[in-house]
C-alpha atoms as a PDB file:
ATOM      1  CA  MET A   1     -11.765   7.191   8.805  1.00  0.00           C
ATOM      2  CA  ALA A   2      -9.115   4.753   8.172  1.00  0.00           C
ATOM      3  CA  TRP A   3      -6.008   5.284   6.086  1.00  0.00           C
ATOM      4  CA  VAL A   4      -4.585   3.081   3.369  1.00  0.00           C
ATOM      5  CA  VAL A   5      -1.323   3.081   1.223  1.00  0.00           C
ATOM      6  CA  VAL A   6      -1.697   4.286  -2.635  1.00  0.00           C
ATOM      7  CA  LEU A   7       0.837   2.882  -4.837  1.00  0.00           C
ATOM      8  CA  THR A   8       1.462   4.846  -8.055  1.00  0.00           C
ATOM      9  CA  SER A   9       2.976   3.243 -10.702  1.00  0.00           C
ATOM     10  CA  PRO A  10       5.590   5.154 -12.908  1.00  0.00           C
ATOM     11  CA  GLY A  11       2.802   5.117 -15.781  1.00  0.00           C
ATOM     12  CA  GLY A  12       0.213   6.613 -13.496  1.00  0.00           C
ATOM     13  CA  ASP A  13      -1.725   3.856 -12.305  1.00  0.00           C
ATOM     14  CA  ARG A  14      -3.045   3.576  -8.833  1.00  0.00           C
ATOM     15  CA  PHE A  15      -3.314   0.367  -6.404  1.00  0.00           C
ATOM     16  CA  TYR A  16      -4.078  -0.135  -2.799  1.00  0.00           C
ATOM     17  CA  GLY A  17      -1.753  -1.807  -0.697  1.00  0.00           C
ATOM     18  CA  GLU A  18      -2.810  -5.056   0.773  1.00  0.00           C
ATOM     19  CA  ALA A  19      -2.587  -7.171   3.812  1.00  0.00           C
ATOM     20  CA  ILE A  20       0.342  -8.566   4.669  1.00  0.00           C
ATOM     21  CA  ASP A  21       0.046 -12.377   4.010  1.00  0.00           C
ATOM     22  CA  ARG A  22       1.150 -15.422   6.125  1.00  0.00           C
ATOM     23  CA  ASP A  23       4.428 -15.290   4.737  1.00  0.00           C
ATOM     24  CA  GLY A  24       5.462 -11.828   4.862  1.00  0.00           C
ATOM     25  CA  ILE A  25       4.409 -10.169   1.967  1.00  0.00           C
ATOM     26  CA  ARG A  26       2.131  -7.550   0.639  1.00  0.00           C
ATOM     27  CA  TYR A  27       0.604  -7.068  -2.465  1.00  0.00           C
ATOM     28  CA  ARG A  28      -1.308  -4.120  -4.551  1.00  0.00           C
ATOM     29  CA  CYS A  29      -5.379  -4.431  -5.081  1.00  0.00           C
ATOM     30  CA  ALA A  30      -7.088  -2.787  -7.862  1.00  0.00           C
ATOM     31  CA  THR A  31      -9.757  -1.104  -5.020  1.00  0.00           C
ATOM     32  CA  PRO A  32      -9.752   0.614  -1.689  1.00  0.00           C
ATOM     33  CA  ALA A  33     -12.228  -1.984  -0.497  1.00  0.00           C
ATOM     34  CA  GLN A  34      -9.550  -5.023  -0.676  1.00  0.00           C
ATOM     35  CA  ALA A  35      -7.186  -2.777   0.472  1.00  0.00           C
ATOM     36  CA  GLU A  36      -5.885  -2.785   4.593  1.00  0.00           C
ATOM     37  CA  ALA A  37      -7.371   0.001   6.579  1.00  0.00           C
ATOM     38  CA  PHE A  38      -5.201   1.721   9.053  1.00  0.00           C
ATOM     39  CA  GLN A  39      -6.132   3.298  12.589  1.00  0.00           C
ATOM     40  CA  THR A  40      -3.624   6.178  11.429  1.00  0.00           C
ATOM     41  CA  LYS A  41      -0.970   8.031   9.250  1.00  0.00           C
ATOM     42  CA  SER A  42       1.847   6.609  10.880  1.00  0.00           C
ATOM     43  CA  ASP A  43       0.542   3.179  10.867  1.00  0.00           C
ATOM     44  CA  ALA A  44       0.256   3.247   7.417  1.00  0.00           C
ATOM     45  CA  GLU A  45       3.296   5.012   6.799  1.00  0.00           C
ATOM     46  CA  ALA A  46       5.064   2.633   8.380  1.00  0.00           C
ATOM     47  CA  SER A  47       3.881  -0.426   6.423  1.00  0.00           C
ATOM     48  CA  PHE A  48       6.157   1.570   3.073  1.00  0.00           C
ATOM     49  CA  TYR A  49       9.025  -0.444   4.541  1.00  0.00           C
ATOM     50  CA  TYR A  50       7.237  -3.797   3.257  1.00  0.00           C
ATOM     51  CA  PHE A  51       6.331  -2.567  -0.042  1.00  0.00           C
ATOM     52  CA  ARG A  52       9.878  -1.821  -0.687  1.00  0.00           C
ATOM     53  CA  PHE A  53      11.193  -5.028  -0.529  1.00  0.00           C
ATOM     54  CA  MET A  54       8.768  -5.781  -3.784  1.00  0.00           C
ATOM     55  CA  ARG A  55      10.971  -5.805  -6.677  1.00  0.00           C
ATOM     56  CA  ALA A  56       7.921  -5.568  -9.124  1.00  0.00           C
ATOM     57  CA  LEU A  57       7.553  -2.445  -6.690  1.00  0.00           C
ATOM     58  CA  ASP A  58      10.587  -0.466  -8.455  1.00  0.00           C
ATOM     59  CA  GLY A  59       9.328   2.873  -9.133  1.00  0.00           C
ATOM     60  CA  TYR A  60       6.356   3.206  -7.487  1.00  0.00           C
ATOM     61  CA  GLN A  61       5.337   5.936  -5.411  1.00  0.00           C
ATOM     62  CA  LEU A  62       3.607   5.153  -2.009  1.00  0.00           C
ATOM     63  CA  GLU A  63       1.077   7.655  -0.357  1.00  0.00           C
ATOM     64  CA  ALA A  64      -0.879   6.870   2.672  1.00  0.00           C
ATOM     65  CA  ILE A  65      -4.372   8.717   2.330  1.00  0.00           C
ATOM     66  CA  GLU A  66      -7.570   8.584   4.532  1.00  0.00           C
ATOM     67  CA  ILE A  67     -10.608   7.182   3.291  1.00  0.00           C
END
């Protein structure tokens, strides 16, 4: 099994966390198939730090889920 990051907008829309890009930025994507897969829940939760830098994601709830 793998763990992914789910980002829920204030309006209730759900997105998934992409892998970090070459500039050190993480984005959201529409499907879990596009999301970065982590080995453990703690690894997925450690990536929350990078999403907090994204002003466009202010107010989003972050959660690590197993898929």
